[in-house]
C-alpha atoms as a PDB file:
ATOM      1  CA  UNK A   1     -44.068  65.498 -33.179  1.00  0.00           C
ATOM      2  CA  UNK A   2     -41.860  66.159 -36.200  1.00  0.00           C
ATOM      3  CA  UNK A   3     -41.858  63.933 -39.237  1.00  0.00           C
ATOM      4  CA  UNK A   4     -38.212  63.070 -38.617  1.00  0.00           C
ATOM      5  CA  UNK A   5     -39.120  61.783 -35.149  1.00  0.00           C
ATOM      6  CA  UNK A   6     -41.890  59.625 -36.586  1.00  0.00           C
ATOM      7  CA  UNK A   7     -39.658  58.053 -39.229  1.00  0.00           C
ATOM      8  CA  UNK A   8     -41.365  59.581 -42.263  1.00  0.00           C
ATOM      9  CA  UNK A   9     -38.184  61.289 -43.368  1.00  0.00           C
ATOM     10  CA  UNK A  10     -35.753  59.294 -45.468  1.00  0.00           C
ATOM     11  CA  UNK A  11     -32.788  61.072 -43.833  1.00  0.00           C
ATOM     12  CA  UNK A  12     -32.033  60.708 -40.166  1.00  0.00           C
ATOM     13  CA  UNK A  13     -31.786  64.042 -38.371  1.00  0.00           C
ATOM     14  CA  UNK A  14     -30.805  65.160 -34.868  1.00  0.00           C
ATOM     15  CA  UNK A  15     -34.032  66.156 -33.077  1.00  0.00           C
ATOM     16  CA  UNK A  16     -32.288  69.190 -31.507  1.00  0.00           C
ATOM     17  CA  UNK A  17     -30.054  70.743 -34.183  1.00  0.00           C
ATOM     18  CA  UNK A  18     -31.356  69.093 -37.340  1.00  0.00           C
ATOM     19  CA  UNK A  19     -28.007  67.869 -38.557  1.00  0.00           C
ATOM     20  CA  UNK A  20     -28.277  64.871 -40.854  1.00  0.00           C
ATOM     21  CA  UNK A  21     -26.507  61.572 -40.330  1.00  0.00           C
ATOM     22  CA  UNK A  22     -26.124  58.556 -42.397  1.00  0.00           C
ATOM     23  CA  UNK A  23     -23.869  55.721 -43.538  1.00  0.00           C
ATOM     24  CA  UNK A  24     -21.613  57.994 -45.576  1.00  0.00           C
ATOM     25  CA  UNK A  25     -21.418  60.770 -42.950  1.00  0.00           C
ATOM     26  CA  UNK A  26     -18.975  61.056 -40.059  1.00  0.00           C
ATOM     27  CA  UNK A  27     -21.849  61.782 -37.729  1.00  0.00           C
ATOM     28  CA  UNK A  28     -23.400  58.818 -35.979  1.00  0.00           C
ATOM     29  CA  UNK A  29     -26.810  59.575 -34.640  1.00  0.00           C
ATOM     30  CA  UNK A  30     -27.923  57.745 -31.484  1.00  0.00           C
ATOM     31  CA  UNK A  31     -31.513  56.916 -30.456  1.00  0.00           C
ATOM     32  CA  UNK A  32     -33.043  58.200 -27.305  1.00  0.00           C
ATOM     33  CA  UNK A  33     -32.467  55.201 -25.067  1.00  0.00           C
ATOM     34  CA  UNK A  34     -35.852  55.451 -23.311  1.00  0.00           C
ATOM     35  CA  UNK A  35     -38.384  55.897 -26.202  1.00  0.00           C
ATOM     36  CA  UNK A  36     -36.359  55.105 -29.380  1.00  0.00           C
ATOM     37  CA  UNK A  37     -38.361  57.676 -31.262  1.00  0.00           C
ATOM     38  CA  UNK A  38     -35.822  60.466 -31.783  1.00  0.00           C
ATOM     39  CA  UNK A  39     -32.118  60.632 -32.586  1.00  0.00           C
ATOM     40  CA  UNK A  40     -29.371  62.958 -31.363  1.00  0.00           C
ATOM     41  CA  UNK A  41     -25.924  63.774 -32.578  1.00  0.00           C
ATOM     42  CA  UNK A  42     -24.564  64.154 -29.061  1.00  0.00           C
ATOM     43  CA  UNK A  43     -25.206  64.524 -25.362  1.00  0.00           C
ATOM     44  CA  UNK A  44     -25.440  68.336 -25.619  1.00  0.00           C
ATOM     45  CA  UNK A  45     -28.240  68.217 -28.215  1.00  0.00           C
ATOM     46  CA  UNK A  46     -30.040  65.623 -26.074  1.00  0.00           C
ATOM     47  CA  UNK A  47     -29.851  67.908 -23.000  1.00  0.00           C
ATOM     48  CA  UNK A  48     -31.036  70.966 -25.012  1.00  0.00           C
ATOM     49  CA  UNK A  49     -34.004  69.041 -26.466  1.00  0.00           C
ATOM     50  CA  UNK A  50     -35.033  67.353 -23.262  1.00  0.00           C
ATOM     51  CA  UNK A  51     -37.643  69.916 -22.161  1.00  0.00           C
ATOM     52  CA  UNK A  52     -39.554  69.527 -25.515  1.00  0.00           C
ATOM     53  CA  UNK A  53     -39.164  65.782 -25.655  1.00  0.00           C
ATOM     54  CA  UNK A  54     -39.759  64.826 -22.011  1.00  0.00           C
ATOM     55  CA  UNK A  55     -43.504  64.317 -22.101  1.00  0.00           C
ATOM     56  CA  UNK A  56     -43.642  62.246 -25.337  1.00  0.00           C
ATOM     57  CA  UNK A  57     -40.607  60.293 -24.208  1.00  0.00           C
ATOM     58  CA  UNK A  58     -42.144  59.210 -20.897  1.00  0.00           C
ATOM     59  CA  UNK A  59     -45.387  58.236 -22.607  1.00  0.00           C
ATOM     60  CA  UNK A  60     -43.606  56.102 -25.259  1.00  0.00           C
ATOM     61  CA  UNK A  61     -41.235  54.552 -22.724  1.00  0.00           C
ATOM     62  CA  UNK A  62     -44.262  53.463 -20.630  1.00  0.00           C
ATOM     63  CA  UNK A  63     -45.849  51.961 -23.771  1.00  0.00           C
ATOM     64  CA  UNK A  64     -42.685  50.016 -24.579  1.00  0.00           C
ATOM     65  CA  UNK A  65     -42.479  48.688 -20.996  1.00  0.00           C
ATOM     66  CA  UNK A  66     -46.150  47.650 -21.068  1.00  0.00           C
ATOM     67  CA  UNK A  67     -45.609  45.823 -24.413  1.00  0.00           C
ATOM     68  CA  UNK A  68     -42.650  43.940 -22.901  1.00  0.00           C
ATOM     69  CA  UNK A  69     -44.486  43.048 -19.712  1.00  0.00           C
ATOM     70  CA  UNK A  70     -47.758  41.990 -21.261  1.00  0.00           C
ATOM     71  CA  UNK A  71     -46.424  40.110 -24.311  1.00  0.00           C
ATOM     72  CA  UNK A  72     -48.336  36.951 -25.094  1.00  0.00           C
ATOM     73  CA  UNK A  73     -46.423  33.763 -24.271  1.00  0.00           C
ATOM     74  CA  UNK A  74     -45.030  31.793 -27.141  1.00  0.00           C
ATOM     75  CA  UNK A  75     -47.428  29.287 -28.677  1.00  0.00           C
ATOM     76  CA  UNK A  76     -45.102  26.435 -27.581  1.00  0.00           C
ATOM     77  CA  UNK A  77     -45.992  27.250 -23.964  1.00  0.00           C
ATOM     78  CA  UNK A  78     -49.794  26.824 -24.350  1.00  0.00           C
ATOM     79  CA  UNK A  79     -51.054  23.933 -22.397  1.00  0.00           C
ATOM     80  CA  UNK A  80     -47.866  23.597 -20.297  1.00  0.00           C
ATOM     81  CA  UNK A  81     -48.274  24.063 -16.555  1.00  0.00           C
ATOM     82  CA  UNK A  82     -45.796  26.670 -15.361  1.00  0.00           C
ATOM     83  CA  UNK A  83     -45.643  25.117 -11.914  1.00  0.00           C
END
């Protein structure tokens, strides 16, 4: 995975075309909605990059879903009977 996808890069870049985006630029990069790891400048770039990104995306999306499902309950719920 590229350093931009892992968040090591200070600038945000489109995972497909490499165009940079930021607060002062007109380009607003959007996260992959499934894995939140990579950013895209548009739908066309997302479609073009999908074959390279698909495997990592599915893996990360499953991890995020597991984290959500198996989160520990809040400490305020300990000792309370859920029934």
